[in-house]
Protein backbone atom coordinates (compact mmCIF):
# COMPACT_ATOMS: atom_id res chain seq x y z
CA MET A 1 -5.79 -110.82 8.08
CA GLU A 2 -4.22 -107.27 8.72
CA ASN A 3 -0.90 -106.63 6.94
CA GLY A 4 -1.59 -109.62 4.84
CA ILE A 5 -3.05 -110.22 1.37
CA ARG A 6 -6.56 -108.43 0.45
CA LEU A 7 -8.71 -110.49 -1.81
CA THR A 8 -10.91 -108.56 -4.25
CA VAL A 9 -13.26 -110.42 -6.73
CA ILE A 10 -14.70 -108.53 -9.58
CA GLY A 11 -16.91 -109.59 -12.18
CA ARG A 12 -20.42 -110.68 -12.63
CA ARG A 13 -21.16 -112.75 -9.44
CA ASP A 14 -24.69 -112.81 -10.09
CA ARG A 15 -23.95 -115.96 -12.51
CA LEU A 16 -22.10 -117.75 -10.14
CA PRO A 17 -23.52 -120.90 -7.99
CA ALA A 18 -24.88 -119.13 -4.85
CA GLY A 19 -22.11 -121.38 -2.57
CA LEU A 20 -19.36 -119.86 -4.87
CA ARG A 21 -20.64 -116.47 -4.14
CA THR A 22 -20.88 -116.92 -0.48
CA ALA A 23 -17.27 -118.10 -0.54
CA ILE A 24 -16.00 -115.56 -2.29
CA GLN A 25 -17.71 -112.76 0.16
CA ASP A 26 -16.34 -114.67 3.12
CA ALA A 27 -12.69 -114.90 1.56
CA GLU A 28 -13.27 -110.81 0.85
CA GLU A 29 -14.47 -110.23 4.37
CA ASP A 30 -11.67 -112.44 5.98
CA SER A 31 -8.91 -110.35 4.07
CA ALA A 32 -10.11 -106.93 4.07
CA LYS A 33 -7.76 -105.68 6.08
CA GLY A 34 -5.01 -106.76 4.31
CA THR A 35 -2.36 -104.30 3.36
CA ARG A 36 0.82 -105.98 1.80
CA LEU A 37 -0.87 -107.04 -1.62
CA ASN A 38 -4.18 -106.43 -3.28
CA LEU A 39 -4.84 -109.76 -5.15
CA ARG A 40 -7.72 -109.11 -7.45
CA ILE A 41 -9.42 -111.94 -9.75
CA ALA A 42 -11.85 -111.16 -11.95
CA ILE A 43 -14.74 -113.35 -12.99
CA ASP A 44 -16.84 -113.03 -15.88
CA TYR A 45 -15.61 -109.56 -16.23
CA SER A 46 -16.12 -106.68 -18.93
CA SER A 47 -13.96 -103.35 -18.68
CA ARG A 48 -16.17 -102.03 -21.07
CA ASP A 49 -19.32 -102.30 -18.65
CA ALA A 50 -17.58 -101.26 -16.00
CA ILE A 51 -16.58 -98.03 -17.47
CA ILE A 52 -19.96 -97.33 -19.37
CA ASP A 53 -21.80 -98.42 -15.94
CA THR A 54 -19.59 -95.76 -14.14
CA ALA A 55 -19.94 -93.15 -16.41
CA LEU A 56 -23.62 -93.44 -16.65
CA ARG A 57 -23.68 -93.45 -12.80
CA SER A 58 -21.85 -90.37 -12.76
CA CYS A 59 -24.12 -88.49 -15.34
CA THR A 60 -26.92 -87.52 -12.59
CA GLY A 61 -24.57 -85.06 -10.77
CA PRO A 62 -21.27 -82.82 -11.38
CA ALA A 63 -18.37 -84.32 -13.32
CA PRO A 64 -16.38 -86.66 -10.98
CA SER A 65 -12.70 -85.99 -10.56
CA ARG A 66 -10.55 -88.77 -12.32
CA ASP A 67 -9.61 -90.12 -9.16
CA ALA A 68 -13.25 -90.31 -7.94
CA PHE A 69 -14.09 -91.63 -11.49
CA ALA A 70 -11.63 -94.60 -10.96
CA ARG A 71 -12.67 -95.11 -7.57
CA MET A 72 -16.61 -95.55 -8.79
CA LEU A 73 -15.10 -98.21 -11.14
CA ALA A 74 -14.54 -100.73 -8.72
CA PRO A 75 -15.93 -99.82 -5.13
CA GLY A 76 -14.05 -101.22 -2.34
CA GLY A 77 -10.80 -100.25 -3.34
CA ALA A 78 -10.27 -102.67 -6.37
CA GLY A 79 -10.23 -99.72 -8.98
CA THR A 80 -6.70 -99.15 -8.02
CA ASP A 81 -4.08 -99.03 -10.72
CA VAL A 82 -2.44 -102.37 -11.64
CA ASP A 83 1.03 -102.89 -11.66
CA LEU A 84 1.45 -106.34 -12.99
CA LEU A 85 -0.95 -107.95 -15.02
CA ILE A 86 0.00 -111.60 -15.48
CA ARG A 87 -2.27 -113.48 -18.40
CA SER A 88 -2.09 -117.28 -18.33
CA GLY A 89 -3.20 -119.26 -21.21
CA GLY A 90 -0.95 -118.09 -23.95
CA GLU A 91 -3.04 -115.23 -25.18
CA LYS A 92 -1.27 -112.40 -25.70
CA ARG A 93 -4.08 -109.25 -25.27
CA LEU A 94 -6.04 -107.98 -22.76
CA SER A 95 -9.20 -109.01 -23.71
CA ASP A 96 -11.64 -106.32 -22.16
CA PHE A 97 -9.79 -106.70 -18.66
CA LEU A 98 -9.22 -103.86 -16.54
CA LEU A 99 -8.59 -101.30 -19.35
CA TRP A 100 -8.56 -98.00 -17.23
CA GLU A 101 -6.67 -99.67 -14.72
CA CYS A 102 -3.87 -101.31 -16.55
CA ALA A 103 -2.71 -98.00 -18.18
CA TYR A 104 0.47 -98.05 -16.82
CA ALA A 105 0.86 -102.04 -15.93
CA GLU A 106 3.63 -104.50 -16.61
CA LEU A 107 2.33 -107.18 -18.59
CA CYS A 108 3.23 -110.83 -18.20
CA PHE A 109 2.26 -113.36 -20.89
CA LEU A 110 2.58 -116.99 -19.95
CA ASP A 111 1.65 -120.13 -22.19
CA THR A 112 0.64 -122.00 -18.72
CA LEU A 113 -2.81 -122.53 -18.28
CA TRP A 114 -4.64 -120.95 -15.32
CA PRO A 115 -5.25 -124.70 -13.31
CA ASP A 116 -1.46 -125.17 -13.91
CA PHE A 117 -0.11 -121.87 -12.74
CA ASP A 118 1.82 -122.47 -9.45
CA ALA A 119 3.97 -120.57 -7.00
CA ASP A 120 7.00 -121.05 -9.15
CA HIS A 121 5.11 -119.14 -11.95
CA LEU A 122 4.21 -116.52 -9.83
CA ALA A 123 7.81 -116.01 -8.23
CA ALA A 124 9.11 -115.91 -11.63
CA ALA A 125 6.70 -113.36 -12.88
CA ILE A 126 7.45 -111.21 -9.55
CA ALA A 127 11.27 -111.46 -10.32
CA ASP A 128 10.89 -110.59 -13.87
CA PHE A 129 8.66 -107.36 -12.68
CA GLY A 130 11.31 -106.67 -9.97
CA ARG A 131 14.10 -106.18 -12.85
CA ARG A 132 12.10 -103.63 -15.12
CA GLU A 133 12.25 -100.07 -15.08
CA ARG A 134 8.86 -98.40 -14.61
CA ARG A 135 8.32 -95.18 -16.25
CA PHE A 136 4.61 -94.24 -16.20
CA GLY A 137 4.57 -92.86 -19.63
CA GLY A 138 7.96 -91.10 -19.40
CA LEU A 139 11.28 -91.30 -21.36
CA PRO A 140 13.69 -94.30 -20.19
CA SER A 141 16.33 -93.20 -17.92
CA THR A 142 19.48 -92.45 -19.66
CA PRO A 143 22.72 -90.83 -18.81
CA ALA A 144 23.17 -87.19 -19.53
CA LEU A 145 24.92 -86.46 -22.67
CA THR A 146 27.79 -83.97 -22.66
CA ALA A 147 28.72 -81.20 -25.09
CA ALA A 148 31.57 -83.49 -26.53
CA GLU A 149 29.26 -86.58 -27.21
């Protein structure tokens, strides 16, 4: 669906049942032209493995640029920076999840377990995200001090 949601699934698909692999592939193909939102779901995913595999693949020729390396981490455009990472289930850690891509992500941790995560949880996380000041490693915006202060 053009201008809709693009779905990408990353991780070890080889350990999933064949029917689920087919359903994932079909959903990705059906949403491939979506441009409004990239919904990335990780299943049996290891960021360390992705970084190591990419580094090893890049050792066969000249060193890739940082952008090229990032694209190699997740073929198909999934390796873009994450704006908002929502972690459900009460855990307060990344757990080897999208370490490269989450360098400047805003993090949202919820106690709600994934099966119970619904549209209201998503709306609340997005609303909270909208209130945050994104600095990408910079200093917070503060009014300039005058000499009298």
